Amino acid sequence: MDKEFKKLGFIGVGNMGGAIIGGILRSGVAKPEEIIGADCSPQGRERAESLYGIRMTADNREVAGSVKILFLSVKPQFLDGVLEGIKDVLPEGQLIVSIVAGRSLSYYQKMLGEKVRLVRLMPNTPALVGAGMTAACCSPEVTAQEMEEVRNLCSTFGLFEPVPETLFDAVTGVSGSSPAYVFMLIEAMADAAVLGGMPRAQAYKFAAQAVMGSAKLLLDTGKHPGELKDMVCSPAGTTIEAVRVLEERGFRSAVIEGTAACIEKSAEMNASKH
């Protein structure tokens, strides 16, 4: 590919696209002048130029035809039109990276040809603060070196884990959608603290830090979550009393069933788009 091509291009620079750009720029993996973005919204273009110092355009074709790695970060309902509009300008050998939900590798092969070089990602919203969890799979044409390059880019805004595409629905349940469940947990914990007399802003801080610290403890120690739970549960103490009530009210079952419903819905949506 022509060495004058820019390193990275983004079609769609909303929250997730912006989170990726921000992480890449903070890490120094690419400079602002090496990135170009396209967005249909004048306000979106102005915001991205102001925040990241990159050049923005309203022309998807300009971006698609001028970069080595092209990120697709548009809403799923707009993707068909975007691909139809750019497919004849994609340079040979270009790597496409998609964060669009609910679109399989076979979808892109149908739209862009069997030999498309594509990495499919599923990040989650904590990427906005550099603490994302990103799953990845790729088409057969993508090399190990290219996947490593994508890993390096994605590692600038969180953790990166290759998984078979068959697990992407499970990824949706356990990380893609799960920040919503965690926020519900934090809100409920804070409500209880408010009931106990704590000011709400302070309650949110205590609850959120407890969740973040617990997750870090699990990841850093590698201990089984049940073992870490047992470490907090003193005999006849306050924590085991809380655990007893949570079990009585079906806490684990509710989380399992909710996550399973999310996975099932994701599978239904993906099947309709293959």
C-alpha atoms as a PDB file:
ATOM      1  CA  MET A   1       0.000   0.000   0.000  1.00  0.00           C
ATOM      2  CA  ASP A   2       1.183   3.549  -0.820  1.00  0.00           C
ATOM      3  CA  LYS A   3       3.369   4.889   1.983  1.00  0.00           C
ATOM      4  CA  GLU A   4       1.631   8.280   1.709  1.00  0.00           C
ATOM      5  CA  PHE A   5      -1.614   6.802   2.985  1.00  0.00           C
ATOM      6  CA  LYS A   6      -2.574   7.816   6.489  1.00  0.00           C
ATOM      7  CA  LYS A   7      -2.157   5.194   9.166  1.00  0.00           C
ATOM      8  CA  LEU A   8      -5.700   5.157  10.567  1.00  0.00           C
ATOM      9  CA  GLY A   9      -9.152   6.215   9.429  1.00  0.00           C
ATOM     10  CA  PHE A  10     -12.474   6.271  11.276  1.00  0.00           C
ATOM     11  CA  ILE A  11     -15.929   6.325   9.751  1.00  0.00           C
ATOM     12  CA  GLY A  12     -18.069   7.380  12.694  1.00  0.00           C
ATOM     13  CA  VAL A  13     -16.438   9.281  15.553  1.00  0.00           C
ATOM     14  CA  GLY A  14     -19.028   9.009  18.314  1.00  0.00           C
ATOM     15  CA  ASN A  15     -18.444   7.828  21.871  1.00  0.00           C
ATOM     16  CA  MET A  16     -16.777   4.514  21.057  1.00  0.00           C
ATOM     17  CA  GLY A  17     -14.870   5.734  18.014  1.00  0.00           C
ATOM     18  CA  GLY A  18     -13.694   8.696  20.059  1.00  0.00           C
ATOM     19  CA  ALA A  19     -12.656   6.438  22.945  1.00  0.00           C
ATOM     20  CA  ILE A  20     -10.461   4.438  20.566  1.00  0.00           C
ATOM     21  CA  ILE A  21      -8.912   7.557  19.042  1.00  0.00           C
ATOM     22  CA  GLY A  22      -8.288   9.042  22.477  1.00  0.00           C
ATOM     23  CA  GLY A  23      -6.580   5.904  23.734  1.00  0.00           C
ATOM     24  CA  ILE A  24      -4.393   5.644  20.643  1.00  0.00           C
ATOM     25  CA  LEU A  25      -3.319   9.276  20.869  1.00  0.00           C
ATOM     26  CA  ARG A  26      -2.612   9.134  24.619  1.00  0.00           C
ATOM     27  CA  SER A  27      -0.404   6.093  24.106  1.00  0.00           C
ATOM     28  CA  GLY A  28       1.566   7.659  21.281  1.00  0.00           C
ATOM     29  CA  VAL A  29       0.856   4.725  18.940  1.00  0.00           C
ATOM     30  CA  ALA A  30      -0.243   7.293  16.348  1.00  0.00           C
ATOM     31  CA  LYS A  31      -0.116  11.069  16.051  1.00  0.00           C
ATOM     32  CA  PRO A  32      -3.101  13.291  15.207  1.00  0.00           C
ATOM     33  CA  GLU A  33      -1.756  13.948  11.725  1.00  0.00           C
ATOM     34  CA  GLU A  34      -1.756  10.187  11.040  1.00  0.00           C
ATOM     35  CA  ILE A  35      -5.504   9.878  11.665  1.00  0.00           C
ATOM     36  CA  ILE A  36      -8.463  11.046   9.605  1.00  0.00           C
ATOM     37  CA  GLY A  37     -12.121  10.724  10.512  1.00  0.00           C
ATOM     38  CA  ALA A  38     -15.518  11.044   8.840  1.00  0.00           C
ATOM     39  CA  ASP A  39     -18.787  11.870  10.535  1.00  0.00           C
ATOM     40  CA  CYS A  40     -22.150  12.898   9.108  1.00  0.00           C
ATOM     41  CA  SER A  41     -22.771  15.361  11.937  1.00  0.00           C
ATOM     42  CA  PRO A  42     -21.182  18.835  11.728  1.00  0.00           C
ATOM     43  CA  GLN A  43     -21.223  18.970  15.526  1.00  0.00           C
ATOM     44  CA  GLY A  44     -19.514  15.567  15.678  1.00  0.00           C
ATOM     45  CA  ARG A  45     -16.800  16.693  13.294  1.00  0.00           C
ATOM     46  CA  GLU A  46     -16.213  19.905  15.232  1.00  0.00           C
ATOM     47  CA  ARG A  47     -16.074  18.012  18.526  1.00  0.00           C
ATOM     48  CA  ALA A  48     -13.553  15.444  17.225  1.00  0.00           C
ATOM     49  CA  GLU A  49     -11.309  18.125  15.727  1.00  0.00           C
ATOM     50  CA  SER A  50     -11.359  20.032  18.996  1.00  0.00           C
ATOM     51  CA  LEU A  51     -10.785  17.022  21.272  1.00  0.00           C
ATOM     52  CA  TYR A  52      -8.262  15.042  19.234  1.00  0.00           C
ATOM     53  CA  GLY A  53      -6.703  17.475  16.761  1.00  0.00           C
ATOM     54  CA  ILE A  54      -7.385  15.147  13.827  1.00  0.00           C
ATOM     55  CA  ARG A  55      -8.691  16.153  10.419  1.00  0.00           C
ATOM     56  CA  MET A  56     -12.387  15.453   9.952  1.00  0.00           C
ATOM     57  CA  THR A  57     -14.533  15.292   6.833  1.00  0.00           C
ATOM     58  CA  ALA A  58     -18.113  14.506   5.871  1.00  0.00           C
ATOM     59  CA  ASP A  59     -16.865  12.282   3.016  1.00  0.00           C
ATOM     60  CA  ASN A  60     -16.688   8.584   3.931  1.00  0.00           C
ATOM     61  CA  ARG A  61     -15.068   7.782   0.598  1.00  0.00           C
ATOM     62  CA  GLU A  62     -12.187  10.163   1.247  1.00  0.00           C
ATOM     63  CA  VAL A  63     -11.389   8.364   4.485  1.00  0.00           C
ATOM     64  CA  ALA A  64     -11.937   4.835   3.179  1.00  0.00           C
ATOM     65  CA  GLY A  65      -9.683   5.384   0.190  1.00  0.00           C
ATOM     66  CA  SER A  66      -6.779   6.997   2.005  1.00  0.00           C
ATOM     67  CA  VAL A  67      -5.847   4.859   5.016  1.00  0.00           C
ATOM     68  CA  LYS A  68      -4.014   1.639   5.841  1.00  0.00           C
ATOM     69  CA  ILE A  69      -6.378   0.627   8.658  1.00  0.00           C
ATOM     70  CA  LEU A  70     -10.032   1.614   8.464  1.00  0.00           C
ATOM     71  CA  PHE A  71     -12.218   1.576  11.591  1.00  0.00           C
ATOM     72  CA  LEU A  72     -15.972   1.274  11.119  1.00  0.00           C
ATOM     73  CA  SER A  73     -17.789   2.708  14.140  1.00  0.00           C
ATOM     74  CA  VAL A  74     -21.217   3.680  12.861  1.00  0.00           C
ATOM     75  CA  LYS A  75     -24.632   2.616  14.128  1.00  0.00           C
ATOM     76  CA  PRO A  76     -25.696  -0.799  12.750  1.00  0.00           C
ATOM     77  CA  GLN A  77     -28.694   0.616  10.862  1.00  0.00           C
ATOM     78  CA  PHE A  78     -26.382   2.824   8.778  1.00  0.00           C
ATOM     79  CA  LEU A  79     -23.748   0.208   7.943  1.00  0.00           C
ATOM     80  CA  ASP A  80     -25.313  -1.140   4.738  1.00  0.00           C
ATOM     81  CA  GLY A  81     -25.325   2.336   3.209  1.00  0.00           C
ATOM     82  CA  VAL A  82     -21.804   3.107   4.378  1.00  0.00           C
ATOM     83  CA  LEU A  83     -20.365  -0.073   2.844  1.00  0.00           C
ATOM     84  CA  GLU A  84     -22.243   0.405  -0.416  1.00  0.00           C
ATOM     85  CA  GLY A  85     -20.788   3.885  -0.629  1.00  0.00           C
ATOM     86  CA  ILE A  86     -17.132   2.972  -0.012  1.00  0.00           C
ATOM     87  CA  LYS A  87     -16.638  -0.556  -1.339  1.00  0.00           C
ATOM     88  CA  ASP A  88     -15.288   0.588  -4.721  1.00  0.00           C
ATOM     89  CA  VAL A  89     -12.582   2.833  -3.201  1.00  0.00           C
ATOM     90  CA  LEU A  90     -11.077   0.472  -0.623  1.00  0.00           C
ATOM     91  CA  PRO A  91      -7.332   0.078  -1.344  1.00  0.00           C
ATOM     92  CA  GLU A  92      -5.899  -3.375  -1.930  1.00  0.00           C
ATOM     93  CA  GLY A  93      -4.450  -4.855   1.241  1.00  0.00           C
ATOM     94  CA  GLN A  94      -6.352  -2.496   3.545  1.00  0.00           C
ATOM     95  CA  LEU A  95      -7.255  -3.846   6.987  1.00  0.00           C
ATOM     96  CA  ILE A  96     -10.794  -3.079   8.136  1.00  0.00           C
ATOM     97  CA  VAL A  97     -11.625  -3.066  11.846  1.00  0.00           C
ATOM     98  CA  SER A  98     -15.310  -3.008  12.778  1.00  0.00           C
ATOM     99  CA  ILE A  99     -16.857  -2.260  16.157  1.00  0.00           C
ATOM    100  CA  VAL A 100     -20.396  -2.353  14.745  1.00  0.00           C
ATOM    101  CA  ALA A 101     -22.612  -4.587  16.871  1.00  0.00           C
ATOM    102  CA  GLY A 102     -24.540  -7.485  15.388  1.00  0.00           C
ATOM    103  CA  ARG A 103     -22.682  -7.846  12.075  1.00  0.00           C
ATOM    104  CA  SER A 104     -20.837 -11.105  11.498  1.00  0.00           C
ATOM    105  CA  LEU A 105     -17.738 -11.809   9.429  1.00  0.00           C
ATOM    106  CA  SER A 106     -19.963 -13.484   6.836  1.00  0.00           C
ATOM    107  CA  TYR A 107     -21.961 -10.253   6.529  1.00  0.00           C
ATOM    108  CA  TYR A 108     -18.816  -8.327   5.579  1.00  0.00           C
ATOM    109  CA  GLN A 109     -17.724 -11.070   3.190  1.00  0.00           C
ATOM    110  CA  LYS A 110     -21.100 -10.786   1.480  1.00  0.00           C
ATOM    111  CA  MET A 111     -20.926  -6.992   1.306  1.00  0.00           C
ATOM    112  CA  LEU A 112     -17.227  -6.532   0.464  1.00  0.00           C
ATOM    113  CA  GLY A 113     -16.117  -9.875  -0.993  1.00  0.00           C
ATOM    114  CA  GLU A 114     -14.809 -13.172   0.317  1.00  0.00           C
ATOM    115  CA  LYS A 115     -11.226 -11.918   0.542  1.00  0.00           C
ATOM    116  CA  VAL A 116     -11.974  -8.979   2.824  1.00  0.00           C
ATOM    117  CA  ARG A 117      -9.336  -8.448   5.508  1.00  0.00           C
ATOM    118  CA  LEU A 118     -11.452  -7.714   8.541  1.00  0.00           C
ATOM    119  CA  VAL A 119     -11.165  -7.777  12.317  1.00  0.00           C
ATOM    120  CA  ARG A 120     -14.430  -7.732  14.220  1.00  0.00           C
ATOM    121  CA  LEU A 121     -14.286  -6.130  17.663  1.00  0.00           C
ATOM    122  CA  MET A 122     -16.699  -5.893  20.548  1.00  0.00           C
ATOM    123  CA  PRO A 123     -15.519  -3.265  23.051  1.00  0.00           C
ATOM    124  CA  ASN A 124     -17.609  -1.978  25.933  1.00  0.00           C
ATOM    125  CA  THR A 125     -18.302   1.488  27.311  1.00  0.00           C
ATOM    126  CA  PRO A 126     -15.563   1.469  30.008  1.00  0.00           C
ATOM    127  CA  ALA A 127     -13.252   1.996  27.018  1.00  0.00           C
ATOM    128  CA  LEU A 128     -14.294   5.635  27.420  1.00  0.00           C
ATOM    129  CA  VAL A 129     -12.078   5.798  30.524  1.00  0.00           C
ATOM    130  CA  GLY A 130      -9.347   3.439  29.304  1.00  0.00           C
ATOM    131  CA  ALA A 131     -10.747   0.404  31.134  1.00  0.00           C
ATOM    132  CA  GLY A 132     -12.546  -1.426  28.342  1.00  0.00           C
ATOM    133  CA  MET A 133     -12.799  -5.123  27.599  1.00  0.00           C
ATOM    134  CA  THR A 134     -12.539  -5.859  23.887  1.00  0.00           C
ATOM    135  CA  ALA A 135     -13.201  -9.181  22.189  1.00  0.00           C
ATOM    136  CA  ALA A 136     -11.824  -9.819  18.702  1.00  0.00           C
ATOM    137  CA  CYS A 137     -12.109 -12.280  15.848  1.00  0.00           C
ATOM    138  CA  CYS A 138     -10.956 -12.018  12.253  1.00  0.00           C
ATOM    139  CA  SER A 139     -11.424 -13.257   8.712  1.00  0.00           C
ATOM    140  CA  PRO A 140      -8.981 -15.907   7.405  1.00  0.00           C
ATOM    141  CA  GLU A 141      -7.063 -13.344   5.344  1.00  0.00           C
ATOM    142  CA  VAL A 142      -5.884 -11.409   8.418  1.00  0.00           C
ATOM    143  CA  THR A 143      -2.320 -12.279   9.419  1.00  0.00           C
ATOM    144  CA  ALA A 144      -0.995 -12.856  12.915  1.00  0.00           C
ATOM    145  CA  GLN A 145       1.065  -9.678  12.551  1.00  0.00           C
ATOM    146  CA  GLU A 146      -2.039  -7.672  11.659  1.00  0.00           C
ATOM    147  CA  MET A 147      -3.926  -9.086  14.640  1.00  0.00           C
ATOM    148  CA  GLU A 148      -1.014  -8.093  16.856  1.00  0.00           C
ATOM    149  CA  GLU A 149      -1.193  -4.565  15.447  1.00  0.00           C
ATOM    150  CA  VAL A 150      -4.904  -4.429  16.278  1.00  0.00           C
ATOM    151  CA  ARG A 151      -4.122  -5.752  19.765  1.00  0.00           C
ATOM    152  CA  ASN A 152      -1.621  -2.935  20.275  1.00  0.00           C
ATOM    153  CA  LEU A 153      -4.196  -0.366  19.201  1.00  0.00           C
ATOM    154  CA  CYS A 154      -6.963  -1.815  21.379  1.00  0.00           C
ATOM    155  CA  SER A 155      -4.702  -2.205  24.403  1.00  0.00           C
ATOM    156  CA  THR A 156      -4.523   1.584  24.568  1.00  0.00           C
ATOM    157  CA  PHE A 157      -8.087   1.686  25.940  1.00  0.00           C
ATOM    158  CA  GLY A 158      -8.319  -1.523  27.990  1.00  0.00           C
ATOM    159  CA  LEU A 159      -7.888  -5.286  27.822  1.00  0.00           C
ATOM    160  CA  PHE A 160      -7.967  -7.256  24.556  1.00  0.00           C
ATOM    161  CA  GLU A 161      -8.905 -10.908  24.122  1.00  0.00           C
ATOM    162  CA  PRO A 162      -9.261 -12.895  20.860  1.00  0.00           C
ATOM    163  CA  VAL A 163     -12.269 -15.246  20.942  1.00  0.00           C
ATOM    164  CA  PRO A 164     -13.984 -17.417  18.319  1.00  0.00           C
ATOM    165  CA  GLU A 165     -16.844 -15.620  16.615  1.00  0.00           C
ATOM    166  CA  THR A 166     -19.163 -18.305  17.968  1.00  0.00           C
ATOM    167  CA  LEU A 167     -18.629 -16.754  21.437  1.00  0.00           C
ATOM    168  CA  PHE A 168     -19.529 -13.205  20.456  1.00  0.00           C
ATOM    169  CA  ASP A 169     -23.084 -13.554  21.747  1.00  0.00           C
ATOM    170  CA  ALA A 170     -21.670 -14.698  25.098  1.00  0.00           C
ATOM    171  CA  VAL A 171     -19.293 -11.727  25.019  1.00  0.00           C
ATOM    172  CA  THR A 172     -22.310  -9.453  24.550  1.00  0.00           C
ATOM    173  CA  GLY A 173     -23.838 -10.827  27.748  1.00  0.00           C
ATOM    174  CA  VAL A 174     -20.771 -10.930  29.955  1.00  0.00           C
ATOM    175  CA  SER A 175     -19.015  -7.691  28.927  1.00  0.00           C
ATOM    176  CA  GLY A 176     -20.705  -5.831  26.086  1.00  0.00           C
ATOM    177  CA  SER A 177     -24.010  -5.218  27.870  1.00  0.00           C
ATOM    178  CA  SER A 178     -22.963  -5.953  31.444  1.00  0.00           C
ATOM    179  CA  PRO A 179     -21.893  -2.409  32.415  1.00  0.00           C
ATOM    180  CA  ALA A 180     -25.632  -1.716  32.601  1.00  0.00           C
ATOM    181  CA  TYR A 181     -26.080  -4.496  35.174  1.00  0.00           C
ATOM    182  CA  VAL A 182     -23.118  -3.216  37.182  1.00  0.00           C
ATOM    183  CA  PHE A 183     -24.507   0.317  37.181  1.00  0.00           C
ATOM    184  CA  MET A 184     -27.805  -1.086  38.481  1.00  0.00           C
ATOM    185  CA  LEU A 185     -25.887  -2.857  41.256  1.00  0.00           C
ATOM    186  CA  ILE A 186     -24.027   0.331  42.179  1.00  0.00           C
ATOM    187  CA  GLU A 187     -27.249   2.322  42.181  1.00  0.00           C
ATOM    188  CA  ALA A 188     -28.983  -0.229  44.399  1.00  0.00           C
ATOM    189  CA  MET A 189     -26.053  -0.366  46.844  1.00  0.00           C
ATOM    190  CA  ALA A 190     -26.026   3.414  47.013  1.00  0.00           C
ATOM    191  CA  ASP A 191     -29.786   3.514  47.594  1.00  0.00           C
ATOM    192  CA  ALA A 192     -29.299   1.237  50.596  1.00  0.00           C
ATOM    193  CA  ALA A 193     -26.517   3.475  51.915  1.00  0.00           C
ATOM    194  CA  VAL A 194     -28.797   6.511  51.534  1.00  0.00           C
ATOM    195  CA  LEU A 195     -31.446   4.591  53.449  1.00  0.00           C
ATOM    196  CA  GLY A 196     -28.804   4.159  56.137  1.00  0.00           C
ATOM    197  CA  GLY A 197     -28.196   7.924  56.288  1.00  0.00           C
ATOM    198  CA  MET A 198     -25.313   8.476  53.853  1.00  0.00           C
ATOM    199  CA  PRO A 199     -25.484  11.440  51.417  1.00  0.00           C
ATOM    200  CA  ARG A 200     -26.166  10.207  47.873  1.00  0.00           C
ATOM    201  CA  ALA A 201     -23.022  11.544  46.190  1.00  0.00           C
ATOM    202  CA  GLN A 202     -20.901   9.914  48.863  1.00  0.00           C
ATOM    203  CA  ALA A 203     -22.892   6.679  48.578  1.00  0.00           C
ATOM    204  CA  TYR A 204     -22.193   6.463  44.840  1.00  0.00           C
ATOM    205  CA  LYS A 205     -18.471   6.991  45.466  1.00  0.00           C
ATOM    206  CA  PHE A 206     -18.286   4.253  48.113  1.00  0.00           C
ATOM    207  CA  ALA A 207     -20.311   1.799  46.040  1.00  0.00           C
ATOM    208  CA  ALA A 208     -18.443   2.456  42.787  1.00  0.00           C
ATOM    209  CA  GLN A 209     -15.017   2.214  44.395  1.00  0.00           C
ATOM    210  CA  ALA A 210     -15.999  -1.053  46.091  1.00  0.00           C
ATOM    211  CA  VAL A 211     -17.012  -2.537  42.725  1.00  0.00           C
ATOM    212  CA  MET A 212     -13.900  -1.275  40.948  1.00  0.00           C
ATOM    213  CA  GLY A 213     -11.591  -2.436  43.743  1.00  0.00           C
ATOM    214  CA  SER A 214     -13.220  -5.852  43.928  1.00  0.00           C
ATOM    215  CA  ALA A 215     -12.789  -6.370  40.189  1.00  0.00           C
ATOM    216  CA  LYS A 216      -9.141  -5.302  40.374  1.00  0.00           C
ATOM    217  CA  LEU A 217      -8.535  -7.631  43.318  1.00  0.00           C
ATOM    218  CA  LEU A 218      -9.899 -10.563  41.323  1.00  0.00           C
ATOM    219  CA  LEU A 219      -7.892  -9.742  38.193  1.00  0.00           C
ATOM    220  CA  ASP A 220      -4.641  -8.992  40.033  1.00  0.00           C
ATOM    221  CA  THR A 221      -4.697 -12.024  42.352  1.00  0.00           C
ATOM    222  CA  GLY A 222      -6.204 -14.555  39.946  1.00  0.00           C
ATOM    223  CA  LYS A 223      -8.148 -16.005  42.866  1.00  0.00           C
ATOM    224  CA  HIS A 224     -11.541 -17.635  42.378  1.00  0.00           C
ATOM    225  CA  PRO A 225     -14.341 -15.134  43.118  1.00  0.00           C
ATOM    226  CA  GLY A 226     -15.807 -17.586  45.637  1.00  0.00           C
ATOM    227  CA  GLU A 227     -12.535 -17.598  47.563  1.00  0.00           C
ATOM    228  CA  LEU A 228     -12.442 -13.812  47.639  1.00  0.00           C
ATOM    229  CA  LYS A 229     -16.053 -13.742  48.801  1.00  0.00           C
ATOM    230  CA  ASP A 230     -15.237 -16.176  51.620  1.00  0.00           C
ATOM    231  CA  MET A 231     -12.366 -13.927  52.745  1.00  0.00           C
ATOM    232  CA  VAL A 232     -14.906 -11.185  53.575  1.00  0.00           C
ATOM    233  CA  CYS A 233     -17.453 -13.453  55.276  1.00  0.00           C
ATOM    234  CA  SER A 234     -16.545 -13.705  58.949  1.00  0.00           C
ATOM    235  CA  PRO A 235     -18.494 -16.239  61.074  1.00  0.00           C
ATOM    236  CA  ALA A 236     -21.801 -14.773  62.281  1.00  0.00           C
ATOM    237  CA  GLY A 237     -20.811 -11.451  60.765  1.00  0.00           C
ATOM    238  CA  THR A 238     -22.466  -8.709  58.736  1.00  0.00           C
ATOM    239  CA  THR A 239     -21.271  -9.871  55.301  1.00  0.00           C
ATOM    240  CA  ILE A 240     -22.516 -13.441  55.559  1.00  0.00           C
ATOM    241  CA  GLU A 241     -25.862 -12.041  56.678  1.00  0.00           C
ATOM    242  CA  ALA A 242     -26.015  -9.932  53.515  1.00  0.00           C
ATOM    243  CA  VAL A 243     -24.997 -12.953  51.419  1.00  0.00           C
ATOM    244  CA  ARG A 244     -27.738 -15.019  53.040  1.00  0.00           C
ATOM    245  CA  VAL A 245     -30.393 -12.474  52.118  1.00  0.00           C
ATOM    246  CA  LEU A 246     -29.065 -12.035  48.577  1.00  0.00           C
ATOM    247  CA  GLU A 247     -29.164 -15.798  48.053  1.00  0.00           C
ATOM    248  CA  GLU A 248     -32.672 -15.950  49.527  1.00  0.00           C
ATOM    249  CA  ARG A 249     -33.836 -13.269  47.081  1.00  0.00           C
ATOM    250  CA  GLY A 250     -32.311 -15.031  44.058  1.00  0.00           C
ATOM    251  CA  PHE A 251     -29.395 -12.681  43.424  1.00  0.00           C
ATOM    252  CA  ARG A 252     -27.223 -15.129  41.497  1.00  0.00           C
ATOM    253  CA  SER A 253     -30.156 -16.580  39.596  1.00  0.00           C
ATOM    254  CA  ALA A 254     -31.303 -13.117  38.532  1.00  0.00           C
ATOM    255  CA  VAL A 255     -27.836 -12.269  37.194  1.00  0.00           C
ATOM    256  CA  ILE A 256     -27.537 -15.609  35.386  1.00  0.00           C
ATOM    257  CA  GLU A 257     -30.990 -15.386  33.853  1.00  0.00           C
ATOM    258  CA  GLY A 258     -30.567 -11.751  32.841  1.00  0.00           C
ATOM    259  CA  THR A 259     -27.199 -12.419  31.209  1.00  0.00           C
ATOM    260  CA  ALA A 260     -28.563 -15.528  29.478  1.00  0.00           C
ATOM    261  CA  ALA A 261     -31.484 -13.487  28.111  1.00  0.00           C
ATOM    262  CA  CYS A 262     -29.014 -10.943  26.756  1.00  0.00           C
ATOM    263  CA  ILE A 263     -27.011 -13.702  25.037  1.00  0.00           C
ATOM    264  CA  GLU A 264     -30.177 -15.185  23.551  1.00  0.00           C
ATOM    265  CA  LYS A 265     -31.338 -11.809  22.235  1.00  0.00           C
ATOM    266  CA  SER A 266     -27.923 -11.153  20.722  1.00  0.00           C
ATOM    267  CA  ALA A 267     -28.035 -14.500  18.920  1.00  0.00           C
ATOM    268  CA  GLU A 268     -31.496 -13.713  17.530  1.00  0.00           C
ATOM    269  CA  MET A 269     -30.379 -10.308  16.265  1.00  0.00           C
ATOM    270  CA  ASN A 270     -27.214 -11.657  14.677  1.00  0.00           C
ATOM    271  CA  ALA A 271     -29.075 -14.514  12.982  1.00  0.00           C
ATOM    272  CA  SER A 272     -31.416 -12.009  11.333  1.00  0.00           C
ATOM    273  CA  LYS A 273     -28.442 -10.103   9.827  1.00  0.00           C
ATOM    274  CA  HIS A 274     -26.344 -13.012   8.496  1.00  0.00           C
END
